Amino acid sequence: TIGFWLMIFLLTFVIPYWVGGNILEILKERK
């Protein structure tokens, strides 16, 4: 159960936050 909820948390919050932050940093550097 702990593993299941950890995967749900990572897939729905942590990974999109990380990818979104990287995209914003790339756009900022290009600008």
PDB file of all heavy atoms in Angstrom:
ATOM      1  N   THR A   1       0.826  -1.212   0.000  1.00  0.00           N
ATOM      2  CA  THR A   1       0.000   0.000   0.000  1.00  0.00           C
ATOM      3  C   THR A   1       0.861   1.262   0.000  1.00  0.00           C
ATOM      4  O   THR A   1       0.576   2.216  -0.727  1.00  0.00           O
ATOM      5  CB  THR A   1      -0.940  -0.012   1.221  1.00  0.00           C
ATOM      6  OG1 THR A   1      -1.695  -1.217   1.200  1.00  0.00           O
ATOM      7  CG2 THR A   1      -1.872   1.173   1.203  1.00  0.00           C
ATOM      8  N   ILE A   2       1.914   1.260   0.813  1.00  0.00           N
ATOM      9  CA  ILE A   2       2.813   2.415   0.843  1.00  0.00           C
ATOM     10  C   ILE A   2       3.457   2.616  -0.528  1.00  0.00           C
ATOM     11  O   ILE A   2       3.543   3.740  -1.030  1.00  0.00           O
ATOM     12  CB  ILE A   2       3.881   2.242   1.943  1.00  0.00           C
ATOM     13  CG1 ILE A   2       3.245   2.367   3.315  1.00  0.00           C
ATOM     14  CG2 ILE A   2       5.009   3.256   1.781  1.00  0.00           C
ATOM     15  CD1 ILE A   2       4.157   1.969   4.458  1.00  0.00           C
ATOM     16  N   GLY A   3       3.901   1.545  -1.149  1.00  0.00           N
ATOM     17  CA  GLY A   3       4.500   1.640  -2.484  1.00  0.00           C
ATOM     18  C   GLY A   3       3.510   2.153  -3.517  1.00  0.00           C
ATOM     19  O   GLY A   3       3.848   2.970  -4.372  1.00  0.00           O
ATOM     20  N   PHE A   4       2.269   1.696  -3.432  1.00  0.00           N
ATOM     21  CA  PHE A   4       1.240   2.141  -4.369  1.00  0.00           C
ATOM     22  C   PHE A   4       1.016   3.639  -4.248  1.00  0.00           C
ATOM     23  O   PHE A   4       1.021   4.366  -5.248  1.00  0.00           O
ATOM     24  CB  PHE A   4      -0.069   1.378  -4.098  1.00  0.00           C
ATOM     25  CG  PHE A   4      -1.233   1.886  -4.879  1.00  0.00           C
ATOM     26  CD1 PHE A   4      -1.353   1.594  -6.223  1.00  0.00           C
ATOM     27  CD2 PHE A   4      -2.195   2.668  -4.260  1.00  0.00           C
ATOM     28  CE1 PHE A   4      -2.438   2.068  -6.954  1.00  0.00           C
ATOM     29  CE2 PHE A   4      -3.278   3.144  -4.970  1.00  0.00           C
ATOM     30  CZ  PHE A   4      -3.397   2.851  -6.318  1.00  0.00           C
ATOM     31  N   TRP A   5       0.817   4.120  -3.022  1.00  0.00           N
ATOM     32  CA  TRP A   5       0.552   5.552  -2.859  1.00  0.00           C
ATOM     33  C   TRP A   5       1.786   6.391  -3.166  1.00  0.00           C
ATOM     34  O   TRP A   5       1.659   7.530  -3.647  1.00  0.00           O
ATOM     35  CB  TRP A   5       0.029   5.831  -1.452  1.00  0.00           C
ATOM     36  CG  TRP A   5      -1.376   5.363  -1.312  1.00  0.00           C
ATOM     37  CD1 TRP A   5      -1.822   4.348  -0.523  1.00  0.00           C
ATOM     38  CD2 TRP A   5      -2.526   5.841  -2.030  1.00  0.00           C
ATOM     39  NE1 TRP A   5      -3.173   4.183  -0.701  1.00  0.00           N
ATOM     40  CE2 TRP A   5      -3.632   5.082  -1.612  1.00  0.00           C
ATOM     41  CE3 TRP A   5      -2.716   6.841  -2.987  1.00  0.00           C
ATOM     42  CZ2 TRP A   5      -4.909   5.296  -2.108  1.00  0.00           C
ATOM     43  CZ3 TRP A   5      -3.995   7.048  -3.489  1.00  0.00           C
ATOM     44  CH2 TRP A   5      -5.068   6.284  -3.051  1.00  0.00           C
ATOM     45  N   LEU A   6       2.982   5.867  -2.926  1.00  0.00           N
ATOM     46  CA  LEU A   6       4.195   6.590  -3.294  1.00  0.00           C
ATOM     47  C   LEU A   6       4.283   6.750  -4.807  1.00  0.00           C
ATOM     48  O   LEU A   6       4.611   7.828  -5.309  1.00  0.00           O
ATOM     49  CB  LEU A   6       5.429   5.862  -2.761  1.00  0.00           C
ATOM     50  CG  LEU A   6       6.783   6.488  -3.105  1.00  0.00           C
ATOM     51  CD1 LEU A   6       6.891   7.870  -2.491  1.00  0.00           C
ATOM     52  CD2 LEU A   6       7.904   5.600  -2.617  1.00  0.00           C
ATOM     53  N   MET A   7       3.969   5.687  -5.554  1.00  0.00           N
ATOM     54  CA  MET A   7       3.973   5.779  -7.019  1.00  0.00           C
ATOM     55  C   MET A   7       2.927   6.767  -7.512  1.00  0.00           C
ATOM     56  O   MET A   7       3.191   7.561  -8.424  1.00  0.00           O
ATOM     57  CB  MET A   7       3.737   4.405  -7.641  1.00  0.00           C
ATOM     58  CG  MET A   7       4.931   3.496  -7.557  1.00  0.00           C
ATOM     59  SD  MET A   7       6.382   4.166  -8.387  1.00  0.00           S
ATOM     60  CE  MET A   7       5.813   4.172 -10.067  1.00  0.00           C
ATOM     61  N   ILE A   8       1.739   6.748  -6.926  1.00  0.00           N
ATOM     62  CA  ILE A   8       0.696   7.703  -7.314  1.00  0.00           C
ATOM     63  C   ILE A   8       1.184   9.124  -7.047  1.00  0.00           C
ATOM     64  O   ILE A   8       1.027  10.020  -7.888  1.00  0.00           O
ATOM     65  CB  ILE A   8      -0.618   7.420  -6.539  1.00  0.00           C
ATOM     66  CG1 ILE A   8      -1.191   6.072  -6.937  1.00  0.00           C
ATOM     67  CG2 ILE A   8      -1.634   8.531  -6.754  1.00  0.00           C
ATOM     68  CD1 ILE A   8      -1.611   5.961  -8.387  1.00  0.00           C
ATOM     69  N   PHE A   9       1.767   9.370  -5.883  1.00  0.00           N
ATOM     70  CA  PHE A   9       2.281  10.700  -5.536  1.00  0.00           C
ATOM     71  C   PHE A   9       3.366  11.143  -6.510  1.00  0.00           C
ATOM     72  O   PHE A   9       3.356  12.285  -6.991  1.00  0.00           O
ATOM     73  CB  PHE A   9       2.822  10.681  -4.102  1.00  0.00           C
ATOM     74  CG  PHE A   9       3.499  11.949  -3.682  1.00  0.00           C
ATOM     75  CD1 PHE A   9       2.767  13.102  -3.472  1.00  0.00           C
ATOM     76  CD2 PHE A   9       4.871  11.986  -3.498  1.00  0.00           C
ATOM     77  CE1 PHE A   9       3.391  14.276  -3.088  1.00  0.00           C
ATOM     78  CE2 PHE A   9       5.503  13.146  -3.116  1.00  0.00           C
ATOM     79  CZ  PHE A   9       4.758  14.297  -2.902  1.00  0.00           C
ATOM     80  N   LEU A  10       4.311  10.251  -6.826  1.00  0.00           N
ATOM     81  CA  LEU A  10       5.393  10.608  -7.728  1.00  0.00           C
ATOM     82  C   LEU A  10       4.878  10.905  -9.133  1.00  0.00           C
ATOM     83  O   LEU A  10       5.309  11.864  -9.770  1.00  0.00           O
ATOM     84  CB  LEU A  10       6.436   9.487  -7.777  1.00  0.00           C
ATOM     85  CG  LEU A  10       7.292   9.312  -6.529  1.00  0.00           C
ATOM     86  CD1 LEU A  10       8.149   8.062  -6.667  1.00  0.00           C
ATOM     87  CD2 LEU A  10       8.140  10.520  -6.281  1.00  0.00           C
ATOM     88  N   LEU A  11       3.964  10.078  -9.621  1.00  0.00           N
ATOM     89  CA  LEU A  11       3.484  10.240 -10.994  1.00  0.00           C
ATOM     90  C   LEU A  11       2.562  11.440 -11.162  1.00  0.00           C
ATOM     91  O   LEU A  11       2.485  12.003 -12.250  1.00  0.00           O
ATOM     92  CB  LEU A  11       2.772   8.965 -11.453  1.00  0.00           C
ATOM     93  CG  LEU A  11       3.684   7.759 -11.659  1.00  0.00           C
ATOM     94  CD1 LEU A  11       2.850   6.522 -11.947  1.00  0.00           C
ATOM     95  CD2 LEU A  11       4.665   8.008 -12.798  1.00  0.00           C
ATOM     96  N   THR A  12       1.854  11.838 -10.118  1.00  0.00           N
ATOM     97  CA  THR A  12       0.892  12.929 -10.264  1.00  0.00           C
ATOM     98  C   THR A  12       1.406  14.275  -9.780  1.00  0.00           C
ATOM     99  O   THR A  12       0.859  15.307 -10.159  1.00  0.00           O
ATOM    100  CB  THR A  12      -0.412  12.618  -9.511  1.00  0.00           C
ATOM    101  OG1 THR A  12      -0.118  12.421  -8.133  1.00  0.00           O
ATOM    102  CG2 THR A  12      -1.092  11.393 -10.087  1.00  0.00           C
ATOM    103  N   PHE A  13       2.439  14.303  -8.953  1.00  0.00           N
ATOM    104  CA  PHE A  13       2.907  15.583  -8.422  1.00  0.00           C
ATOM    105  C   PHE A  13       4.392  15.831  -8.668  1.00  0.00           C
ATOM    106  O   PHE A  13       4.756  16.840  -9.271  1.00  0.00           O
ATOM    107  CB  PHE A  13       2.620  15.664  -6.911  1.00  0.00           C
ATOM    108  CG  PHE A  13       3.088  16.944  -6.290  1.00  0.00           C
ATOM    109  CD1 PHE A  13       2.424  18.125  -6.529  1.00  0.00           C
ATOM    110  CD2 PHE A  13       4.212  16.962  -5.490  1.00  0.00           C
ATOM    111  CE1 PHE A  13       2.873  19.318  -5.970  1.00  0.00           C
ATOM    112  CE2 PHE A  13       4.673  18.138  -4.937  1.00  0.00           C
ATOM    113  CZ  PHE A  13       3.991  19.321  -5.168  1.00  0.00           C
ATOM    114  N   VAL A  14       5.237  14.943  -8.234  1.00  0.00           N
ATOM    115  CA  VAL A  14       6.679  15.207  -8.240  1.00  0.00           C
ATOM    116  C   VAL A  14       7.235  15.275  -9.657  1.00  0.00           C
ATOM    117  O   VAL A  14       7.934  16.223 -10.006  1.00  0.00           O
ATOM    118  CB  VAL A  14       7.426  14.150  -7.398  1.00  0.00           C
ATOM    119  CG1 VAL A  14       8.920  14.321  -7.514  1.00  0.00           C
ATOM    120  CG2 VAL A  14       6.982  14.238  -5.946  1.00  0.00           C
ATOM    121  N   ILE A  15       6.924  14.284 -10.482  1.00  0.00           N
ATOM    122  CA  ILE A  15       7.487  14.252 -11.839  1.00  0.00           C
ATOM    123  C   ILE A  15       6.972  15.416 -12.698  1.00  0.00           C
ATOM    124  O   ILE A  15       7.772  16.096 -13.347  1.00  0.00           O
ATOM    125  CB  ILE A  15       7.261  12.874 -12.484  1.00  0.00           C
ATOM    126  CG1 ILE A  15       8.105  11.833 -11.741  1.00  0.00           C
ATOM    127  CG2 ILE A  15       7.604  12.899 -13.967  1.00  0.00           C
ATOM    128  CD1 ILE A  15       7.907  10.407 -12.180  1.00  0.00           C
ATOM    129  N   PRO A  16       5.660  15.711 -12.721  1.00  0.00           N
ATOM    130  CA  PRO A  16       5.216  16.880 -13.489  1.00  0.00           C
ATOM    131  C   PRO A  16       5.828  18.193 -12.973  1.00  0.00           C
ATOM    132  O   PRO A  16       6.148  19.080 -13.773  1.00  0.00           O
ATOM    133  CB  PRO A  16       3.696  16.885 -13.320  1.00  0.00           C
ATOM    134  CG  PRO A  16       3.351  15.475 -13.051  1.00  0.00           C
ATOM    135  CD  PRO A  16       4.496  14.930 -12.256  1.00  0.00           C
ATOM    136  N   TYR A  17       5.985  18.331 -11.656  1.00  0.00           N
ATOM    137  CA  TYR A  17       6.597  19.532 -11.088  1.00  0.00           C
ATOM    138  C   TYR A  17       8.044  19.669 -11.561  1.00  0.00           C
ATOM    139  O   TYR A  17       8.485  20.759 -11.944  1.00  0.00           O
ATOM    140  CB  TYR A  17       6.530  19.442  -9.563  1.00  0.00           C
ATOM    141  CG  TYR A  17       7.091  20.625  -8.841  1.00  0.00           C
ATOM    142  CD1 TYR A  17       6.347  21.787  -8.704  1.00  0.00           C
ATOM    143  CD2 TYR A  17       8.364  20.582  -8.289  1.00  0.00           C
ATOM    144  CE1 TYR A  17       6.859  22.886  -8.039  1.00  0.00           C
ATOM    145  CE2 TYR A  17       8.888  21.664  -7.620  1.00  0.00           C
ATOM    146  CZ  TYR A  17       8.129  22.825  -7.489  1.00  0.00           C
ATOM    147  OH  TYR A  17       8.654  23.894  -6.845  1.00  0.00           O
ATOM    148  N   TRP A  18       8.779  18.557 -11.563  1.00  0.00           N
ATOM    149  CA  TRP A  18      10.170  18.544 -11.980  1.00  0.00           C
ATOM    150  C   TRP A  18      10.290  18.883 -13.473  1.00  0.00           C
ATOM    151  O   TRP A  18      11.107  19.714 -13.872  1.00  0.00           O
ATOM    152  CB  TRP A  18      10.753  17.166 -11.665  1.00  0.00           C
ATOM    153  CG  TRP A  18      12.132  16.926 -12.139  1.00  0.00           C
ATOM    154  CD1 TRP A  18      13.255  17.597 -11.761  1.00  0.00           C
ATOM    155  CD2 TRP A  18      12.548  15.939 -13.085  1.00  0.00           C
ATOM    156  NE1 TRP A  18      14.341  17.070 -12.415  1.00  0.00           N
ATOM    157  CE2 TRP A  18      13.937  16.064 -13.235  1.00  0.00           C
ATOM    158  CE3 TRP A  18      11.873  14.965 -13.802  1.00  0.00           C
ATOM    159  CZ2 TRP A  18      14.649  15.246 -14.088  1.00  0.00           C
ATOM    160  CZ3 TRP A  18      12.593  14.161 -14.633  1.00  0.00           C
ATOM    161  CH2 TRP A  18      13.957  14.303 -14.775  1.00  0.00           C
ATOM    162  N   VAL A  19       9.463  18.247 -14.307  1.00  0.00           N
ATOM    163  CA  VAL A  19       9.505  18.488 -15.749  1.00  0.00           C
ATOM    164  C   VAL A  19       9.093  19.925 -16.053  1.00  0.00           C
ATOM    165  O   VAL A  19       9.737  20.611 -16.855  1.00  0.00           O
ATOM    166  CB  VAL A  19       8.613  17.466 -16.496  1.00  0.00           C
ATOM    167  CG1 VAL A  19       8.470  17.836 -17.958  1.00  0.00           C
ATOM    168  CG2 VAL A  19       9.193  16.068 -16.366  1.00  0.00           C
ATOM    169  N   GLY A  20       8.043  20.398 -15.415  1.00  0.00           N
ATOM    170  CA  GLY A  20       7.589  21.780 -15.631  1.00  0.00           C
ATOM    171  C   GLY A  20       8.645  22.793 -15.235  1.00  0.00           C
ATOM    172  O   GLY A  20       8.867  23.794 -15.931  1.00  0.00           O
ATOM    173  N   GLY A  21       9.310  22.556 -14.106  1.00  0.00           N
ATOM    174  CA  GLY A  21      10.377  23.463 -13.667  1.00  0.00           C
ATOM    175  C   GLY A  21      11.539  23.482 -14.643  1.00  0.00           C
ATOM    176  O   GLY A  21      12.109  24.546 -14.925  1.00  0.00           O
ATOM    177  N   ASN A  22      11.899  22.326 -15.186  1.00  0.00           N
ATOM    178  CA  ASN A  22      12.978  22.273 -16.172  1.00  0.00           C
ATOM    179  C   ASN A  22      12.611  23.014 -17.452  1.00  0.00           C
ATOM    180  O   ASN A  22      13.446  23.711 -18.029  1.00  0.00           O
ATOM    181  CB  ASN A  22      13.332  20.825 -16.501  1.00  0.00           C
ATOM    182  CG  ASN A  22      14.217  20.209 -15.439  1.00  0.00           C
ATOM    183  OD1 ASN A  22      14.914  20.914 -14.716  1.00  0.00           O
ATOM    184  ND2 ASN A  22      14.186  18.905 -15.344  1.00  0.00           N
ATOM    185  N   ILE A  23      11.369  22.860 -17.896  1.00  0.00           N
ATOM    186  CA  ILE A  23      10.919  23.569 -19.104  1.00  0.00           C
ATOM    187  C   ILE A  23      10.978  25.078 -18.877  1.00  0.00           C
ATOM    188  O   ILE A  23      11.448  25.829 -19.749  1.00  0.00           O
ATOM    189  CB  ILE A  23       9.514  23.099 -19.504  1.00  0.00           C
ATOM    190  CG1 ILE A  23       9.575  21.668 -20.028  1.00  0.00           C
ATOM    191  CG2 ILE A  23       8.903  24.023 -20.548  1.00  0.00           C
ATOM    192  CD1 ILE A  23       8.226  21.028 -20.265  1.00  0.00           C
ATOM    193  N   LEU A  24      10.512  25.546 -17.707  1.00  0.00           N
ATOM    194  CA  LEU A  24      10.570  26.984 -17.411  1.00  0.00           C
ATOM    195  C   LEU A  24      12.008  27.486 -17.369  1.00  0.00           C
ATOM    196  O   LEU A  24      12.298  28.587 -17.858  1.00  0.00           O
ATOM    197  CB  LEU A  24       9.865  27.277 -16.087  1.00  0.00           C
ATOM    198  CG  LEU A  24       8.348  27.156 -16.103  1.00  0.00           C
ATOM    199  CD1 LEU A  24       7.784  27.372 -14.703  1.00  0.00           C
ATOM    200  CD2 LEU A  24       7.738  28.139 -17.079  1.00  0.00           C
ATOM    201  N   GLU A  25      12.921  26.695 -16.805  1.00  0.00           N
ATOM    202  CA  GLU A  25      14.329  27.101 -16.767  1.00  0.00           C
ATOM    203  C   GLU A  25      14.922  27.179 -18.171  1.00  0.00           C
ATOM    204  O   GLU A  25      15.671  28.109 -18.487  1.00  0.00           O
ATOM    205  CB  GLU A  25      15.145  26.121 -15.917  1.00  0.00           C
ATOM    206  CG  GLU A  25      14.946  26.304 -14.436  1.00  0.00           C
ATOM    207  CD  GLU A  25      15.490  27.629 -13.928  1.00  0.00           C
ATOM    208  OE1 GLU A  25      16.577  28.042 -14.373  1.00  0.00           O
ATOM    209  OE2 GLU A  25      14.813  28.249 -13.093  1.00  0.00           O
ATOM    210  N   ILE A  26      14.593  26.227 -19.028  1.00  0.00           N
ATOM    211  CA  ILE A  26      15.094  26.242 -20.410  1.00  0.00           C
ATOM    212  C   ILE A  26      14.574  27.475 -21.137  1.00  0.00           C
ATOM    213  O   ILE A  26      15.336  28.169 -21.841  1.00  0.00           O
ATOM    214  CB  ILE A  26      14.701  24.941 -21.141  1.00  0.00           C
ATOM    215  CG1 ILE A  26      15.500  23.767 -20.592  1.00  0.00           C
ATOM    216  CG2 ILE A  26      14.902  25.069 -22.645  1.00  0.00           C
ATOM    217  CD1 ILE A  26      15.001  22.400 -21.050  1.00  0.00           C
ATOM    218  N   LEU A  27      13.290  27.781 -20.975  1.00  0.00           N
ATOM    219  CA  LEU A  27      12.717  28.964 -21.627  1.00  0.00           C
ATOM    220  C   LEU A  27      13.354  30.248 -21.107  1.00  0.00           C
ATOM    221  O   LEU A  27      13.621  31.172 -21.876  1.00  0.00           O
ATOM    222  CB  LEU A  27      11.198  28.992 -21.423  1.00  0.00           C
ATOM    223  CG  LEU A  27      10.407  27.895 -22.127  1.00  0.00           C
ATOM    224  CD1 LEU A  27       8.940  27.968 -21.730  1.00  0.00           C
ATOM    225  CD2 LEU A  27      10.568  27.988 -23.627  1.00  0.00           C
ATOM    226  N   LYS A  28      13.612  30.304 -19.797  1.00  0.00           N
ATOM    227  CA  LYS A  28      14.239  31.484 -19.206  1.00  0.00           C
ATOM    228  C   LYS A  28      15.656  31.669 -19.756  1.00  0.00           C
ATOM    229  O   LYS A  28      16.066  32.787 -20.088  1.00  0.00           O
ATOM    230  CB  LYS A  28      14.284  31.351 -17.689  1.00  0.00           C
ATOM    231  CG  LYS A  28      14.721  32.622 -16.981  1.00  0.00           C
ATOM    232  CD  LYS A  28      14.953  32.408 -15.492  1.00  0.00           C
ATOM    233  CE  LYS A  28      13.733  31.943 -14.780  1.00  0.00           C
ATOM    234  NZ  LYS A  28      13.950  31.806 -13.321  1.00  0.00           N
ATOM    235  N   GLU A  29      16.415  30.564 -19.870  1.00  0.00           N
ATOM    236  CA  GLU A  29      17.775  30.654 -20.412  1.00  0.00           C
ATOM    237  C   GLU A  29      17.757  31.107 -21.864  1.00  0.00           C
ATOM    238  O   GLU A  29      18.591  31.915 -22.283  1.00  0.00           O
ATOM    239  CB  GLU A  29      18.475  29.302 -20.289  1.00  0.00           C
ATOM    240  CG  GLU A  29      18.843  28.946 -18.863  1.00  0.00           C
ATOM    241  CD  GLU A  29      19.405  27.550 -18.751  1.00  0.00           C
ATOM    242  OE1 GLU A  29      19.608  26.887 -19.798  1.00  0.00           O
ATOM    243  OE2 GLU A  29      19.650  27.106 -17.620  1.00  0.00           O
ATOM    244  N   ARG A  30      16.821  30.595 -22.661  1.00  0.00           N
ATOM    245  CA  ARG A  30      16.724  31.010 -24.059  1.00  0.00           C
ATOM    246  C   ARG A  30      16.384  32.487 -24.169  1.00  0.00           C
ATOM    247  O   ARG A  30      16.927  33.210 -25.014  1.00  0.00           O
ATOM    248  CB  ARG A  30      15.669  30.189 -24.796  1.00  0.00           C
ATOM    249  CG  ARG A  30      16.098  28.789 -25.101  1.00  0.00           C
ATOM    250  CD  ARG A  30      15.048  28.080 -25.919  1.00  0.00           C
ATOM    251  NE  ARG A  30      15.417  26.691 -26.168  1.00  0.00           N
ATOM    252  CZ  ARG A  30      14.656  25.812 -26.763  1.00  0.00           C
ATOM    253  NH1 ARG A  30      13.447  26.165 -27.176  1.00  0.00           N
ATOM    254  NH2 ARG A  30      15.065  24.584 -26.949  1.00  0.00           N
ATOM    255  N   LYS A  31      15.471  32.958 -23.318  1.00  0.00           N
ATOM    256  CA  LYS A  31      15.090  34.373 -23.331  1.00  0.00           C
ATOM    257  C   LYS A  31      16.276  35.258 -22.963  1.00  0.00           C
ATOM    258  O   LYS A  31      16.509  36.289 -23.603  1.00  0.00           O
ATOM    259  CB  LYS A  31      13.931  34.584 -22.352  1.00  0.00           C
ATOM    260  CG  LYS A  31      13.357  35.967 -22.358  1.00  0.00           C
ATOM    261  CD  LYS A  31      12.168  36.064 -21.398  1.00  0.00           C
ATOM    262  CE  LYS A  31      11.593  37.453 -21.382  1.00  0.00           C
ATOM    263  NZ  LYS A  31      10.483  37.569 -20.413  1.00  0.00           N
TER     264      LYS A  31
END
